[in-house]
Amino acid sequence: MKNWELTEESFALFLNWLDPGQPEAAGQKYEEIRHRLIVLFNSRGCVEAEELADETINRVIKRLPDMIESYSGDPVPYFYKVAQNLYLERRKKPLVSLTDGLSQVVSTTETEASEEEEKKYACLSKCLDNVTPRTRELIISYYSEEKQAKINFRKEVANQLGLTPSALRLKMYRIRETLQKCIMQCLDE
């Protein structure tokens, strides 16, 4: 999804596709689909279930203008197919996750593992230096709390930024995606 960004127009088209002429019902359907995708990814053991659900929805929205005229029927099965493809795609390459301490699946000895961890954290630090101070503070604070405190904090941040919780999740997903690419490049060097 290189160089593609979600726009207000594409999101409005998406909502209209979910439930034509009924924005509130479409919004509820969107939340239901997102929840189902999260459950699907969680059931497959994905630690980034929310992010994968958001990416699935973004991919559908990106393709929507080309397929809206020819697609008929319930859109939910299409989301599942895109999610399946994304899951298979992600299984083929290692993921770097900010939420689990940048752990990657590597088979190394204990000494090599600690050196690898040090390199990961050095790369994370370097990549965080490349973003604005506000973005750095936002991404760090977004993952600082746990359980109910995390939920309350994220609602508060969304309100402060004038965003819906879904819009905040999408914003964080994009920031995290940029950081992950930077970290992967750094680790390859």
N, C-alpha and C. Protein backbone atom coordinates (compact mmCIF):
# COMPACT_ATOMS: atom_id res chain seq x y z
N MET A 1 0.84 -1.18 0.00
CA MET A 1 0.00 0.00 0.00
C MET A 1 0.88 1.24 0.00
N LYS A 2 1.94 1.17 -0.74
CA LYS A 2 2.89 2.27 -0.78
C LYS A 2 2.25 3.53 -1.35
N ASN A 3 2.55 4.65 -0.72
CA ASN A 3 2.11 5.97 -1.17
C ASN A 3 0.59 6.15 -1.21
N TRP A 4 -0.17 5.28 -0.61
CA TRP A 4 -1.62 5.43 -0.55
C TRP A 4 -1.99 5.89 0.85
N GLU A 5 -2.85 6.87 0.91
CA GLU A 5 -3.32 7.36 2.20
C GLU A 5 -4.84 7.41 2.19
N LEU A 6 -5.39 7.08 3.34
CA LEU A 6 -6.83 7.11 3.51
C LEU A 6 -7.30 8.57 3.49
N THR A 7 -8.25 8.86 2.62
CA THR A 7 -8.79 10.21 2.55
C THR A 7 -10.23 10.20 3.06
N GLU A 8 -10.72 11.37 3.33
CA GLU A 8 -12.10 11.51 3.79
C GLU A 8 -13.07 10.99 2.72
N GLU A 9 -12.76 11.27 1.45
CA GLU A 9 -13.63 10.84 0.35
C GLU A 9 -13.65 9.32 0.23
N SER A 10 -12.46 8.69 0.34
CA SER A 10 -12.41 7.23 0.20
C SER A 10 -13.12 6.56 1.39
N PHE A 11 -13.00 7.15 2.58
CA PHE A 11 -13.69 6.58 3.74
C PHE A 11 -15.20 6.76 3.60
N ALA A 12 -15.63 7.90 3.07
CA ALA A 12 -17.07 8.13 2.86
C ALA A 12 -17.62 7.14 1.83
N LEU A 13 -16.85 6.88 0.76
CA LEU A 13 -17.25 5.90 -0.24
C LEU A 13 -17.37 4.52 0.39
N PHE A 14 -16.42 4.20 1.24
CA PHE A 14 -16.41 2.92 1.95
C PHE A 14 -17.66 2.76 2.83
N LEU A 15 -17.97 3.78 3.62
CA LEU A 15 -19.15 3.72 4.48
C LEU A 15 -20.43 3.58 3.65
N ASN A 16 -20.48 4.30 2.53
CA ASN A 16 -21.65 4.22 1.66
C ASN A 16 -21.78 2.82 1.05
N TRP A 17 -20.66 2.18 0.79
CA TRP A 17 -20.67 0.81 0.26
C TRP A 17 -21.18 -0.17 1.31
N LEU A 18 -20.81 0.06 2.57
CA LEU A 18 -21.25 -0.83 3.64
C LEU A 18 -22.76 -0.75 3.85
N ASP A 19 -23.30 0.47 3.83
CA ASP A 19 -24.74 0.65 4.04
C ASP A 19 -25.15 1.95 3.36
N PRO A 20 -25.57 1.88 2.10
CA PRO A 20 -25.88 3.09 1.33
C PRO A 20 -26.92 3.99 2.01
N GLY A 21 -26.57 5.24 2.14
CA GLY A 21 -27.50 6.24 2.68
C GLY A 21 -27.74 6.16 4.17
N GLN A 22 -27.06 5.30 4.87
CA GLN A 22 -27.25 5.13 6.31
C GLN A 22 -25.90 5.23 7.03
N PRO A 23 -25.36 6.45 7.20
CA PRO A 23 -24.02 6.59 7.79
C PRO A 23 -23.87 5.99 9.18
N GLU A 24 -24.89 6.10 10.02
CA GLU A 24 -24.79 5.53 11.37
C GLU A 24 -24.75 4.01 11.33
N ALA A 25 -25.59 3.42 10.51
CA ALA A 25 -25.61 1.96 10.37
C ALA A 25 -24.30 1.48 9.74
N ALA A 26 -23.78 2.25 8.79
CA ALA A 26 -22.51 1.89 8.16
C ALA A 26 -21.37 1.95 9.17
N GLY A 27 -21.40 2.96 10.04
CA GLY A 27 -20.38 3.07 11.08
C GLY A 27 -20.42 1.89 12.03
N GLN A 28 -21.63 1.45 12.38
CA GLN A 28 -21.77 0.28 13.25
C GLN A 28 -21.28 -0.98 12.55
N LYS A 29 -21.58 -1.07 11.27
CA LYS A 29 -21.14 -2.23 10.50
C LYS A 29 -19.60 -2.24 10.40
N TYR A 30 -19.03 -1.07 10.20
CA TYR A 30 -17.56 -0.95 10.17
C TYR A 30 -16.95 -1.45 11.47
N GLU A 31 -17.49 -1.00 12.60
CA GLU A 31 -16.96 -1.43 13.91
C GLU A 31 -17.14 -2.93 14.10
N GLU A 32 -18.25 -3.47 13.64
CA GLU A 32 -18.50 -4.91 13.76
C GLU A 32 -17.50 -5.70 12.91
N ILE A 33 -17.27 -5.24 11.69
CA ILE A 33 -16.31 -5.91 10.81
C ILE A 33 -14.91 -5.85 11.42
N ARG A 34 -14.55 -4.69 11.93
CA ARG A 34 -13.23 -4.53 12.54
C ARG A 34 -13.08 -5.48 13.72
N HIS A 35 -14.11 -5.54 14.55
CA HIS A 35 -14.07 -6.44 15.71
C HIS A 35 -13.91 -7.90 15.27
N ARG A 36 -14.67 -8.30 14.26
CA ARG A 36 -14.57 -9.68 13.75
C ARG A 36 -13.17 -9.98 13.22
N LEU A 37 -12.57 -9.00 12.54
CA LEU A 37 -11.21 -9.19 12.01
C LEU A 37 -10.20 -9.33 13.15
N ILE A 38 -10.37 -8.54 14.20
CA ILE A 38 -9.48 -8.64 15.36
C ILE A 38 -9.59 -10.03 15.98
N VAL A 39 -10.81 -10.51 16.13
CA VAL A 39 -11.03 -11.85 16.69
C VAL A 39 -10.38 -12.90 15.78
N LEU A 40 -10.53 -12.74 14.48
CA LEU A 40 -9.94 -13.67 13.52
C LEU A 40 -8.41 -13.71 13.67
N PHE A 41 -7.79 -12.53 13.69
CA PHE A 41 -6.33 -12.49 13.80
C PHE A 41 -5.86 -12.98 15.17
N ASN A 42 -6.60 -12.66 16.22
CA ASN A 42 -6.26 -13.16 17.55
C ASN A 42 -6.32 -14.68 17.59
N SER A 43 -7.33 -15.25 16.95
CA SER A 43 -7.48 -16.71 16.95
C SER A 43 -6.33 -17.40 16.22
N ARG A 44 -5.66 -16.66 15.38
CA ARG A 44 -4.51 -17.22 14.66
C ARG A 44 -3.19 -16.89 15.35
N GLY A 45 -3.29 -16.31 16.54
CA GLY A 45 -2.09 -16.05 17.33
C GLY A 45 -1.33 -14.80 16.94
N CYS A 46 -1.95 -13.88 16.24
CA CYS A 46 -1.29 -12.65 15.82
C CYS A 46 -1.26 -11.66 16.98
N VAL A 47 -0.07 -11.21 17.35
CA VAL A 47 0.04 -10.24 18.44
C VAL A 47 -0.39 -8.85 18.00
N GLU A 48 -0.41 -8.61 16.71
CA GLU A 48 -0.78 -7.30 16.17
C GLU A 48 -2.17 -7.35 15.53
N ALA A 49 -3.11 -7.99 16.20
CA ALA A 49 -4.43 -8.22 15.62
C ALA A 49 -5.13 -6.92 15.22
N GLU A 50 -5.06 -5.89 16.08
CA GLU A 50 -5.72 -4.62 15.77
C GLU A 50 -5.10 -3.97 14.53
N GLU A 51 -3.78 -3.99 14.46
CA GLU A 51 -3.08 -3.39 13.33
C GLU A 51 -3.38 -4.13 12.04
N LEU A 52 -3.42 -5.46 12.12
CA LEU A 52 -3.74 -6.26 10.93
C LEU A 52 -5.18 -6.04 10.49
N ALA A 53 -6.08 -5.88 11.44
CA ALA A 53 -7.47 -5.57 11.09
C ALA A 53 -7.55 -4.23 10.37
N ASP A 54 -6.84 -3.23 10.90
CA ASP A 54 -6.83 -1.90 10.26
C ASP A 54 -6.22 -1.96 8.86
N GLU A 55 -5.15 -2.73 8.72
CA GLU A 55 -4.53 -2.84 7.40
C GLU A 55 -5.46 -3.55 6.42
N THR A 56 -6.18 -4.56 6.89
CA THR A 56 -7.15 -5.25 6.04
C THR A 56 -8.20 -4.26 5.54
N ILE A 57 -8.73 -3.46 6.45
CA ILE A 57 -9.76 -2.48 6.07
C ILE A 57 -9.17 -1.45 5.10
N ASN A 58 -7.96 -1.00 5.36
CA ASN A 58 -7.32 -0.05 4.44
C ASN A 58 -7.16 -0.64 3.04
N ARG A 59 -6.78 -1.90 2.96
CA ARG A 59 -6.62 -2.54 1.65
C ARG A 59 -7.94 -2.62 0.91
N VAL A 60 -9.02 -2.93 1.63
CA VAL A 60 -10.34 -2.97 1.01
C VAL A 60 -10.71 -1.58 0.51
N ILE A 61 -10.50 -0.56 1.34
CA ILE A 61 -10.85 0.81 0.95
C ILE A 61 -10.04 1.23 -0.27
N LYS A 62 -8.77 0.84 -0.31
CA LYS A 62 -7.92 1.21 -1.45
C LYS A 62 -8.44 0.59 -2.75
N ARG A 63 -8.92 -0.65 -2.68
CA ARG A 63 -9.40 -1.35 -3.88
C ARG A 63 -10.83 -1.01 -4.26
N LEU A 64 -11.54 -0.40 -3.35
CA LEU A 64 -12.97 -0.17 -3.52
C LEU A 64 -13.35 0.57 -4.81
N PRO A 65 -12.66 1.66 -5.18
CA PRO A 65 -13.09 2.37 -6.40
C PRO A 65 -13.06 1.48 -7.65
N ASP A 66 -12.15 0.51 -7.70
CA ASP A 66 -12.06 -0.36 -8.87
C ASP A 66 -13.08 -1.49 -8.87
N MET A 67 -13.61 -1.83 -7.70
CA MET A 67 -14.48 -2.99 -7.63
C MET A 67 -15.92 -2.68 -7.23
N ILE A 68 -16.19 -1.45 -6.84
CA ILE A 68 -17.51 -1.12 -6.28
C ILE A 68 -18.65 -1.40 -7.27
N GLU A 69 -18.43 -1.16 -8.54
CA GLU A 69 -19.48 -1.36 -9.53
C GLU A 69 -19.78 -2.84 -9.76
N SER A 70 -18.76 -3.67 -9.71
CA SER A 70 -18.94 -5.08 -10.04
C SER A 70 -19.23 -5.96 -8.83
N TYR A 71 -18.97 -5.48 -7.62
CA TYR A 71 -19.17 -6.30 -6.43
C TYR A 71 -20.64 -6.27 -6.02
N SER A 72 -21.17 -7.46 -5.74
CA SER A 72 -22.54 -7.52 -5.25
C SER A 72 -22.61 -8.46 -4.06
N GLY A 73 -23.55 -8.22 -3.20
CA GLY A 73 -23.72 -9.07 -2.04
C GLY A 73 -23.09 -8.47 -0.80
N ASP A 74 -23.03 -9.30 0.23
CA ASP A 74 -22.50 -8.89 1.53
C ASP A 74 -20.99 -8.66 1.42
N PRO A 75 -20.49 -7.52 1.90
CA PRO A 75 -19.06 -7.25 1.80
C PRO A 75 -18.20 -8.02 2.81
N VAL A 76 -18.79 -8.58 3.86
CA VAL A 76 -18.02 -9.23 4.92
C VAL A 76 -17.11 -10.35 4.39
N PRO A 77 -17.59 -11.24 3.52
CA PRO A 77 -16.70 -12.29 3.01
C PRO A 77 -15.46 -11.73 2.30
N TYR A 78 -15.63 -10.59 1.65
CA TYR A 78 -14.48 -9.98 0.97
C TYR A 78 -13.42 -9.56 1.99
N PHE A 79 -13.85 -9.03 3.12
CA PHE A 79 -12.91 -8.65 4.18
C PHE A 79 -12.14 -9.87 4.67
N TYR A 80 -12.86 -10.99 4.84
CA TYR A 80 -12.21 -12.22 5.31
C TYR A 80 -11.15 -12.70 4.31
N LYS A 81 -11.46 -12.59 3.03
CA LYS A 81 -10.50 -13.03 2.01
C LYS A 81 -9.25 -12.14 2.04
N VAL A 82 -9.45 -10.84 2.14
CA VAL A 82 -8.31 -9.93 2.22
C VAL A 82 -7.50 -10.20 3.49
N ALA A 83 -8.20 -10.46 4.60
CA ALA A 83 -7.52 -10.78 5.86
C ALA A 83 -6.72 -12.07 5.73
N GLN A 84 -7.29 -13.06 5.07
CA GLN A 84 -6.57 -14.33 4.86
C GLN A 84 -5.29 -14.09 4.07
N ASN A 85 -5.39 -13.31 3.00
CA ASN A 85 -4.21 -13.01 2.19
C ASN A 85 -3.16 -12.25 2.99
N LEU A 86 -3.60 -11.29 3.78
CA LEU A 86 -2.67 -10.52 4.61
C LEU A 86 -2.00 -11.43 5.64
N TYR A 87 -2.76 -12.31 6.24
CA TYR A 87 -2.20 -13.24 7.22
C TYR A 87 -1.12 -14.12 6.58
N LEU A 88 -1.41 -14.67 5.42
CA LEU A 88 -0.43 -15.51 4.72
C LEU A 88 0.81 -14.71 4.33
N GLU A 89 0.59 -13.48 3.90
CA GLU A 89 1.70 -12.59 3.53
C GLU A 89 2.59 -12.30 4.74
N ARG A 90 1.99 -12.01 5.87
CA ARG A 90 2.75 -11.67 7.07
C ARG A 90 3.48 -12.88 7.65
N ARG A 91 2.94 -14.07 7.45
CA ARG A 91 3.61 -15.27 7.96
C ARG A 91 4.93 -15.51 7.25
N LYS A 92 5.03 -15.00 6.03
CA LYS A 92 6.24 -15.24 5.23
C LYS A 92 7.40 -14.35 5.63
N LYS A 93 7.13 -13.22 6.28
CA LYS A 93 8.23 -12.32 6.64
C LYS A 93 8.15 -11.99 8.13
N PRO A 94 9.30 -11.80 8.76
CA PRO A 94 9.29 -11.50 10.20
C PRO A 94 8.73 -10.11 10.45
N LEU A 95 8.05 -9.97 11.57
CA LEU A 95 7.47 -8.69 11.96
C LEU A 95 8.25 -8.10 13.10
N VAL A 96 8.37 -6.81 13.09
CA VAL A 96 8.95 -6.11 14.23
C VAL A 96 7.78 -5.44 14.93
N SER A 97 7.64 -5.68 16.22
CA SER A 97 6.51 -5.14 16.95
C SER A 97 6.98 -4.28 18.10
N LEU A 98 6.48 -3.06 18.15
CA LEU A 98 6.83 -2.18 19.26
C LEU A 98 6.22 -2.70 20.55
N THR A 99 5.07 -3.34 20.46
CA THR A 99 4.37 -3.75 21.67
C THR A 99 5.01 -4.93 22.37
N ASP A 100 5.79 -5.71 21.70
CA ASP A 100 6.43 -6.84 22.38
C ASP A 100 7.95 -6.69 22.39
N GLY A 101 8.40 -5.47 22.56
CA GLY A 101 9.83 -5.22 22.72
C GLY A 101 10.63 -5.52 21.48
N LEU A 102 10.02 -5.37 20.32
CA LEU A 102 10.70 -5.61 19.06
C LEU A 102 11.23 -7.03 18.94
N SER A 103 10.47 -7.99 19.46
CA SER A 103 10.94 -9.37 19.38
C SER A 103 10.72 -9.90 17.97
N GLN A 104 11.70 -10.63 17.49
CA GLN A 104 11.60 -11.30 16.21
C GLN A 104 11.89 -12.77 16.44
N VAL A 105 11.39 -13.59 15.55
CA VAL A 105 11.68 -15.00 15.67
C VAL A 105 13.07 -15.23 15.10
N VAL A 106 14.01 -15.51 16.00
CA VAL A 106 15.39 -15.79 15.60
C VAL A 106 15.90 -16.95 16.44
N SER A 107 16.67 -17.81 15.83
CA SER A 107 17.27 -18.90 16.58
C SER A 107 18.73 -18.56 16.81
N THR A 108 19.04 -18.10 18.01
CA THR A 108 20.39 -17.69 18.35
C THR A 108 20.73 -18.19 19.74
N THR A 109 22.01 -18.12 20.06
CA THR A 109 22.41 -18.46 21.42
C THR A 109 22.06 -17.29 22.33
N GLU A 110 22.21 -17.49 23.65
CA GLU A 110 21.84 -16.45 24.61
C GLU A 110 22.65 -15.18 24.39
N THR A 111 23.97 -15.30 24.16
CA THR A 111 24.83 -14.14 23.94
C THR A 111 24.43 -13.41 22.67
N GLU A 112 24.21 -14.19 21.60
CA GLU A 112 23.80 -13.57 20.34
C GLU A 112 22.44 -12.90 20.48
N ALA A 113 21.56 -13.52 21.27
CA ALA A 113 20.23 -12.95 21.47
C ALA A 113 20.33 -11.59 22.16
N SER A 114 21.16 -11.47 23.19
CA SER A 114 21.27 -10.19 23.88
C SER A 114 21.90 -9.13 22.98
N GLU A 115 22.88 -9.54 22.16
CA GLU A 115 23.47 -8.60 21.20
C GLU A 115 22.42 -8.17 20.18
N GLU A 116 21.59 -9.13 19.76
CA GLU A 116 20.53 -8.82 18.81
C GLU A 116 19.52 -7.85 19.42
N GLU A 117 19.15 -8.07 20.66
CA GLU A 117 18.23 -7.17 21.36
C GLU A 117 18.81 -5.77 21.46
N GLU A 118 20.09 -5.68 21.81
CA GLU A 118 20.74 -4.37 21.90
C GLU A 118 20.70 -3.66 20.56
N LYS A 119 20.93 -4.40 19.48
CA LYS A 119 20.89 -3.81 18.15
C LYS A 119 19.47 -3.32 17.81
N LYS A 120 18.46 -4.11 18.19
CA LYS A 120 17.07 -3.72 17.93
C LYS A 120 16.73 -2.42 18.65
N TYR A 121 17.12 -2.35 19.93
CA TYR A 121 16.82 -1.14 20.69
C TYR A 121 17.60 0.06 20.18
N ALA A 122 18.82 -0.17 19.72
CA ALA A 122 19.60 0.93 19.13
C ALA A 122 18.91 1.43 17.87
N CYS A 123 18.41 0.49 17.07
CA CYS A 123 17.70 0.88 15.84
C CYS A 123 16.39 1.60 16.18
N LEU A 124 15.68 1.12 17.18
CA LEU A 124 14.44 1.79 17.60
C LEU A 124 14.75 3.22 18.03
N SER A 125 15.80 3.37 18.81
CA SER A 125 16.18 4.71 19.28
C SER A 125 16.53 5.62 18.10
N LYS A 126 17.28 5.08 17.17
CA LYS A 126 17.68 5.85 15.98
C LYS A 126 16.44 6.27 15.17
N CYS A 127 15.51 5.32 15.00
CA CYS A 127 14.31 5.62 14.22
C CYS A 127 13.39 6.60 14.94
N LEU A 128 13.32 6.52 16.26
CA LEU A 128 12.52 7.48 17.02
C LEU A 128 13.11 8.88 16.94
N ASP A 129 14.42 8.98 16.75
CA ASP A 129 15.07 10.28 16.57
C ASP A 129 14.69 10.93 15.25
N ASN A 130 14.22 10.11 14.29
CA ASN A 130 13.87 10.62 12.96
C ASN A 130 12.44 11.15 12.87
N VAL A 131 11.65 10.97 13.92
CA VAL A 131 10.28 11.49 13.91
C VAL A 131 10.21 12.76 14.74
N THR A 132 9.12 13.48 14.60
CA THR A 132 8.98 14.73 15.36
C THR A 132 8.87 14.41 16.85
N PRO A 133 9.25 15.34 17.71
CA PRO A 133 9.13 15.09 19.16
C PRO A 133 7.70 14.74 19.57
N ARG A 134 6.74 15.40 18.97
CA ARG A 134 5.34 15.12 19.32
C ARG A 134 4.94 13.69 18.94
N THR A 135 5.38 13.25 17.75
CA THR A 135 5.09 11.89 17.31
C THR A 135 5.79 10.87 18.21
N ARG A 136 7.03 11.16 18.56
CA ARG A 136 7.80 10.27 19.45
C ARG A 136 7.09 10.13 20.80
N GLU A 137 6.68 11.26 21.35
CA GLU A 137 5.98 11.24 22.64
C GLU A 137 4.66 10.48 22.53
N LEU A 138 3.95 10.67 21.43
CA LEU A 138 2.67 10.01 21.22
C LEU A 138 2.84 8.50 21.14
N ILE A 139 3.80 8.01 20.35
CA ILE A 139 3.96 6.57 20.18
C ILE A 139 4.44 5.91 21.47
N ILE A 140 5.30 6.57 22.21
CA ILE A 140 5.80 6.00 23.46
C ILE A 140 4.69 5.96 24.50
N SER A 141 3.96 7.05 24.62
CA SER A 141 2.88 7.09 25.62
C SER A 141 1.74 6.15 25.24
N TYR A 142 1.51 5.95 23.95
CA TYR A 142 0.42 5.09 23.48
C TYR A 142 0.59 3.66 24.01
N TYR A 143 1.85 3.22 24.16
CA TYR A 143 2.12 1.86 24.61
C TYR A 143 2.59 1.78 26.06
N SER A 144 2.45 2.85 26.81
CA SER A 144 3.01 2.88 28.16
C SER A 144 2.10 2.28 29.23
N GLU A 145 0.82 2.24 29.02
CA GLU A 145 -0.11 1.75 30.04
C GLU A 145 -0.51 0.30 29.76
N GLU A 146 -1.20 -0.30 30.71
CA GLU A 146 -1.69 -1.66 30.53
C GLU A 146 -3.14 -1.78 30.98
N LYS A 147 -3.82 -2.75 30.44
CA LYS A 147 -5.20 -3.10 30.77
C LYS A 147 -6.15 -1.90 30.71
N GLN A 148 -6.96 -1.70 31.74
CA GLN A 148 -7.97 -0.64 31.73
C GLN A 148 -7.33 0.75 31.65
N ALA A 149 -6.17 0.92 32.28
CA ALA A 149 -5.48 2.21 32.22
C ALA A 149 -5.12 2.55 30.78
N LYS A 150 -4.74 1.52 30.01
CA LYS A 150 -4.41 1.72 28.60
C LYS A 150 -5.64 2.19 27.82
N ILE A 151 -6.76 1.55 28.06
CA ILE A 151 -8.00 1.91 27.36
C ILE A 151 -8.40 3.34 27.69
N ASN A 152 -8.38 3.68 28.97
CA ASN A 152 -8.75 5.03 29.39
C ASN A 152 -7.79 6.07 28.82
N PHE A 153 -6.50 5.77 28.85
CA PHE A 153 -5.50 6.70 28.34
C PHE A 153 -5.70 6.94 26.84
N ARG A 154 -5.95 5.87 26.09
CA ARG A 154 -6.13 6.02 24.64
C ARG A 154 -7.39 6.82 24.31
N LYS A 155 -8.45 6.66 25.09
CA LYS A 155 -9.66 7.48 24.90
C LYS A 155 -9.34 8.95 25.15
N GLU A 156 -8.57 9.20 26.20
CA GLU A 156 -8.19 10.57 26.55
C GLU A 156 -7.33 11.20 25.45
N VAL A 157 -6.37 10.44 24.93
CA VAL A 157 -5.51 10.94 23.85
C VAL A 157 -6.35 11.24 22.62
N ALA A 158 -7.27 10.35 22.27
CA ALA A 158 -8.13 10.57 21.10
C ALA A 158 -8.94 11.85 21.27
N ASN A 159 -9.50 12.07 22.46
CA ASN A 159 -10.25 13.30 22.72
C ASN A 159 -9.37 14.53 22.60
N GLN A 160 -8.16 14.48 23.16
CA GLN A 160 -7.24 15.61 23.10
C GLN A 160 -6.87 15.96 21.67
N LEU A 161 -6.73 14.93 20.83
CA LEU A 161 -6.35 15.16 19.44
C LEU A 161 -7.57 15.44 18.54
N GLY A 162 -8.76 15.34 19.12
CA GLY A 162 -9.97 15.56 18.33
C GLY A 162 -10.25 14.45 17.35
N LEU A 163 -9.87 13.21 17.72
CA LEU A 163 -10.04 12.06 16.85
C LEU A 163 -10.99 11.05 17.48
N THR A 164 -11.57 10.22 16.64
CA THR A 164 -12.32 9.09 17.15
C THR A 164 -11.31 8.02 17.55
N PRO A 165 -11.69 7.07 18.40
CA PRO A 165 -10.75 5.99 18.73
C PRO A 165 -10.25 5.24 17.49
N SER A 166 -11.11 5.04 16.51
CA SER A 166 -10.70 4.36 15.28
C SER A 166 -9.67 5.17 14.51
N ALA A 167 -9.89 6.48 14.42
CA ALA A 167 -8.94 7.34 13.72
C ALA A 167 -7.59 7.36 14.44
N LEU A 168 -7.61 7.34 15.77
CA LEU A 168 -6.36 7.28 16.53
C LEU A 168 -5.63 5.98 16.26
N ARG A 169 -6.37 4.86 16.22
CA ARG A 169 -5.74 3.56 15.93
C ARG A 169 -5.09 3.58 14.55
N LEU A 170 -5.78 4.16 13.57
CA LEU A 170 -5.22 4.25 12.22
C LEU A 170 -3.96 5.12 12.21
N LYS A 171 -4.00 6.23 12.94
CA LYS A 171 -2.84 7.12 13.02
C LYS A 171 -1.65 6.38 13.64
N MET A 172 -1.91 5.65 14.72
CA MET A 172 -0.84 4.92 15.39
C MET A 172 -0.32 3.79 14.51
N TYR A 173 -1.21 3.16 13.78
CA TYR A 173 -0.81 2.10 12.86
C TYR A 173 0.17 2.64 11.82
N ARG A 174 -0.14 3.79 11.28
CA ARG A 174 0.73 4.38 10.25
C ARG A 174 2.09 4.79 10.83
N ILE A 175 2.08 5.35 12.03
CA ILE A 175 3.34 5.71 12.68
C ILE A 175 4.17 4.45 12.93
N ARG A 176 3.51 3.43 13.46
CA ARG A 176 4.19 2.18 13.76
C ARG A 176 4.75 1.53 12.49
N GLU A 177 3.98 1.57 11.41
CA GLU A 177 4.41 1.00 10.14
C GLU A 177 5.68 1.70 9.64
N THR A 178 5.71 3.02 9.74
CA THR A 178 6.89 3.79 9.35
C THR A 178 8.10 3.42 10.22
N LEU A 179 7.88 3.32 11.51
CA LEU A 179 8.96 2.94 12.42
C LEU A 179 9.45 1.52 12.13
N GLN A 180 8.53 0.62 11.85
CA GLN A 180 8.93 -0.76 11.57
C GLN A 180 9.80 -0.84 10.33
N LYS A 181 9.44 -0.10 9.28
CA LYS A 181 10.26 -0.09 8.07
C LYS A 181 11.65 0.45 8.36
N CYS A 182 11.71 1.53 9.14
CA CYS A 182 12.98 2.12 9.51
C CYS A 182 13.83 1.13 10.30
N ILE A 183 13.20 0.43 11.24
CA ILE A 183 13.92 -0.54 12.09
C ILE A 183 14.44 -1.69 11.25
N MET A 184 13.62 -2.18 10.35
CA MET A 184 14.04 -3.29 9.49
C MET A 184 15.23 -2.88 8.62
N GLN A 185 15.20 -1.65 8.08
CA GLN A 185 16.33 -1.16 7.29
C GLN A 185 17.57 -1.05 8.14
N CYS A 186 17.42 -0.54 9.35
CA CYS A 186 18.53 -0.39 10.26
C CYS A 186 19.13 -1.76 10.61
N LEU A 187 18.30 -2.75 10.85
CA LEU A 187 18.78 -4.09 11.20
C LEU A 187 19.49 -4.75 10.02
N ASP A 188 19.06 -4.41 8.80
CA ASP A 188 19.71 -4.97 7.61
C ASP A 188 21.09 -4.38 7.35
N GLU A 189 21.33 -3.18 7.90
CA GLU A 189 22.62 -2.51 7.66
C GLU A 189 23.74 -3.16 8.42
